[in-house]
C-alpha atoms as a PDB file:
ATOM      1  CA  MET A   1       0.000   0.000   0.000  1.00  0.00           C
ATOM      2  CA  PRO A   2       1.409   3.410  -0.942  1.00  0.00           C
ATOM      3  CA  SER A   3       2.330   5.831   1.814  1.00  0.00           C
ATOM      4  CA  PHE A   4      -0.029   8.672   2.631  1.00  0.00           C
ATOM      5  CA  LEU A   5       2.225  11.149   0.819  1.00  0.00           C
ATOM      6  CA  ASP A   6       2.335   8.855  -2.212  1.00  0.00           C
ATOM      7  CA  GLN A   7      -1.464   8.689  -2.179  1.00  0.00           C
ATOM      8  CA  ILE A   8      -1.644  12.490  -2.222  1.00  0.00           C
ATOM      9  CA  GLU A   9       0.739  12.688  -5.176  1.00  0.00           C
ATOM     10  CA  LEU A  10      -1.099   9.943  -7.063  1.00  0.00           C
ATOM     11  CA  LEU A  11      -4.409  11.685  -6.498  1.00  0.00           C
ATOM     12  CA  ARG A  12      -2.916  14.985  -7.713  1.00  0.00           C
ATOM     13  CA  SER A  13      -1.582  13.265 -10.836  1.00  0.00           C
ATOM     14  CA  PHE A  14      -4.903  11.565 -11.620  1.00  0.00           C
ATOM     15  CA  PHE A  15      -6.822  14.795 -11.053  1.00  0.00           C
ATOM     16  CA  LEU A  16      -4.566  16.877 -13.301  1.00  0.00           C
ATOM     17  CA  ASN A  17      -4.726  14.274 -16.077  1.00  0.00           C
ATOM     18  CA  GLU A  18      -8.518  14.167 -15.917  1.00  0.00           C
ATOM     19  CA  LEU A  19      -8.693  17.951 -15.739  1.00  0.00           C
ATOM     20  CA  LYS A  20      -6.786  18.194 -19.038  1.00  0.00           C
ATOM     21  CA  GLU A  21      -9.449  15.990 -20.617  1.00  0.00           C
ATOM     22  CA  ALA A  22     -12.395  18.064 -19.354  1.00  0.00           C
ATOM     23  CA  ILE A  23     -13.905  19.686 -22.435  1.00  0.00           C
ATOM     24  CA  SER A  24     -17.253  20.837 -21.057  1.00  0.00           C
ATOM     25  CA  VAL A  25     -18.720  22.349 -17.926  1.00  0.00           C
ATOM     26  CA  LYS A  26     -20.463  19.016 -17.296  1.00  0.00           C
ATOM     27  CA  ASP A  27     -17.108  17.195 -17.421  1.00  0.00           C
ATOM     28  CA  LEU A  28     -15.732  19.660 -14.907  1.00  0.00           C
ATOM     29  CA  GLU A  29     -18.719  19.259 -12.577  1.00  0.00           C
ATOM     30  CA  ASN A  30     -18.308  15.477 -12.662  1.00  0.00           C
ATOM     31  CA  LEU A  31     -14.616  15.873 -11.883  1.00  0.00           C
ATOM     32  CA  LYS A  32     -15.386  18.138  -8.925  1.00  0.00           C
ATOM     33  CA  ILE A  33     -17.874  15.616  -7.569  1.00  0.00           C
ATOM     34  CA  LYS A  34     -15.418  12.745  -8.029  1.00  0.00           C
ATOM     35  CA  TYR A  35     -12.587  14.469  -6.189  1.00  0.00           C
ATOM     36  CA  LEU A  36     -14.148  17.145  -3.968  1.00  0.00           C
ATOM     37  CA  GLY A  37     -17.606  15.754  -3.223  1.00  0.00           C
ATOM     38  CA  LYS A  38     -18.828  14.305   0.081  1.00  0.00           C
ATOM     39  CA  LYS A  39     -17.836  10.819  -1.041  1.00  0.00           C
ATOM     40  CA  GLY A  40     -14.931  11.986  -3.176  1.00  0.00           C
ATOM     41  CA  SER A  41     -11.281  11.056  -3.180  1.00  0.00           C
ATOM     42  CA  VAL A  42     -10.128  14.004  -1.068  1.00  0.00           C
ATOM     43  CA  GLN A  43     -12.714  13.196   1.581  1.00  0.00           C
ATOM     44  CA  ALA A  44     -11.526   9.582   1.562  1.00  0.00           C
ATOM     45  CA  LEU A  45      -8.015  10.845   2.335  1.00  0.00           C
ATOM     46  CA  MET A  46      -9.431  12.860   5.221  1.00  0.00           C
ATOM     47  CA  GLN A  47     -11.002   9.685   6.580  1.00  0.00           C
ATOM     48  CA  GLU A  48      -7.654   7.895   6.325  1.00  0.00           C
ATOM     49  CA  LEU A  49      -6.092  10.556   8.553  1.00  0.00           C
ATOM     50  CA  ARG A  50      -7.769   8.800  11.472  1.00  0.00           C
ATOM     51  CA  ALA A  51      -5.318   5.931  11.067  1.00  0.00           C
ATOM     52  CA  CYS A  52      -2.296   8.235  11.196  1.00  0.00           C
ATOM     53  CA  SER A  53      -0.439   8.920  14.389  1.00  0.00           C
ATOM     54  CA  ALA A  54      -1.386  11.967  16.447  1.00  0.00           C
ATOM     55  CA  GLU A  55       2.019  13.489  15.676  1.00  0.00           C
ATOM     56  CA  GLU A  56       1.603  13.132  11.896  1.00  0.00           C
ATOM     57  CA  ARG A  57      -2.066  14.089  11.680  1.00  0.00           C
ATOM     58  CA  PRO A  58      -1.680  17.913  11.737  1.00  0.00           C
ATOM     59  CA  ARG A  59       1.015  17.935   9.040  1.00  0.00           C
ATOM     60  CA  LEU A  60      -0.787  15.436   6.806  1.00  0.00           C
ATOM     61  CA  GLY A  61      -4.128  17.153   7.372  1.00  0.00           C
ATOM     62  CA  LYS A  62      -2.596  20.417   6.223  1.00  0.00           C
ATOM     63  CA  LEU A  63      -1.330  18.697   3.057  1.00  0.00           C
ATOM     64  CA  VAL A  64      -4.794  17.292   2.318  1.00  0.00           C
ATOM     65  CA  ASN A  65      -6.375  20.715   2.855  1.00  0.00           C
ATOM     66  CA  GLU A  66      -3.829  22.291   0.520  1.00  0.00           C
ATOM     67  CA  LEU A  67      -4.606  19.605  -2.058  1.00  0.00           C
ATOM     68  CA  LYS A  68      -8.315  20.377  -1.767  1.00  0.00           C
ATOM     69  CA  GLU A  69      -7.661  24.097  -2.237  1.00  0.00           C
ATOM     70  CA  GLU A  70      -5.421  23.349  -5.223  1.00  0.00           C
ATOM     71  CA  PHE A  71      -8.125  21.215  -6.853  1.00  0.00           C
ATOM     72  CA  SER A  72     -10.754  23.906  -6.231  1.00  0.00           C
ATOM     73  CA  SER A  73      -8.527  26.564  -7.741  1.00  0.00           C
ATOM     74  CA  HIS A  74      -7.818  24.443 -10.825  1.00  0.00           C
ATOM     75  CA  CYS A  75     -11.561  23.842 -11.243  1.00  0.00           C
ATOM     76  CA  GLU A  76     -12.342  27.571 -11.020  1.00  0.00           C
ATOM     77  CA  HIS A  77      -9.687  28.435 -13.613  1.00  0.00           C
ATOM     78  CA  THR A  78     -10.861  25.678 -15.934  1.00  0.00           C
ATOM     79  CA  LEU A  79     -14.491  26.754 -15.553  1.00  0.00           C
ATOM     80  CA  ALA A  80     -13.542  30.297 -16.542  1.00  0.00           C
ATOM     81  CA  ARG A  81     -11.737  28.914 -19.583  1.00  0.00           C
ATOM     82  CA  LEU A  82     -14.666  26.716 -20.626  1.00  0.00           C
ATOM     83  CA  GLN A  83     -17.290  29.440 -20.384  1.00  0.00           C
END
């Protein structure tokens, strides 16, 4: 099983690849749901934080939050481009 940091990087890579393929607003909305929704990939990472040690949790939580902000920002920029 990949480390937590590896999971973050894999998720970032998958997201960016799928974002490049988004050609419509609908594609972008589906991407946002897949990664940023209640049952999305970023939320799944947040759930995995529970298994991390108390010492690691704040640092890893910050990384997941930064990833979420990065994804949101990419989505906003892509939406502006698509409209």
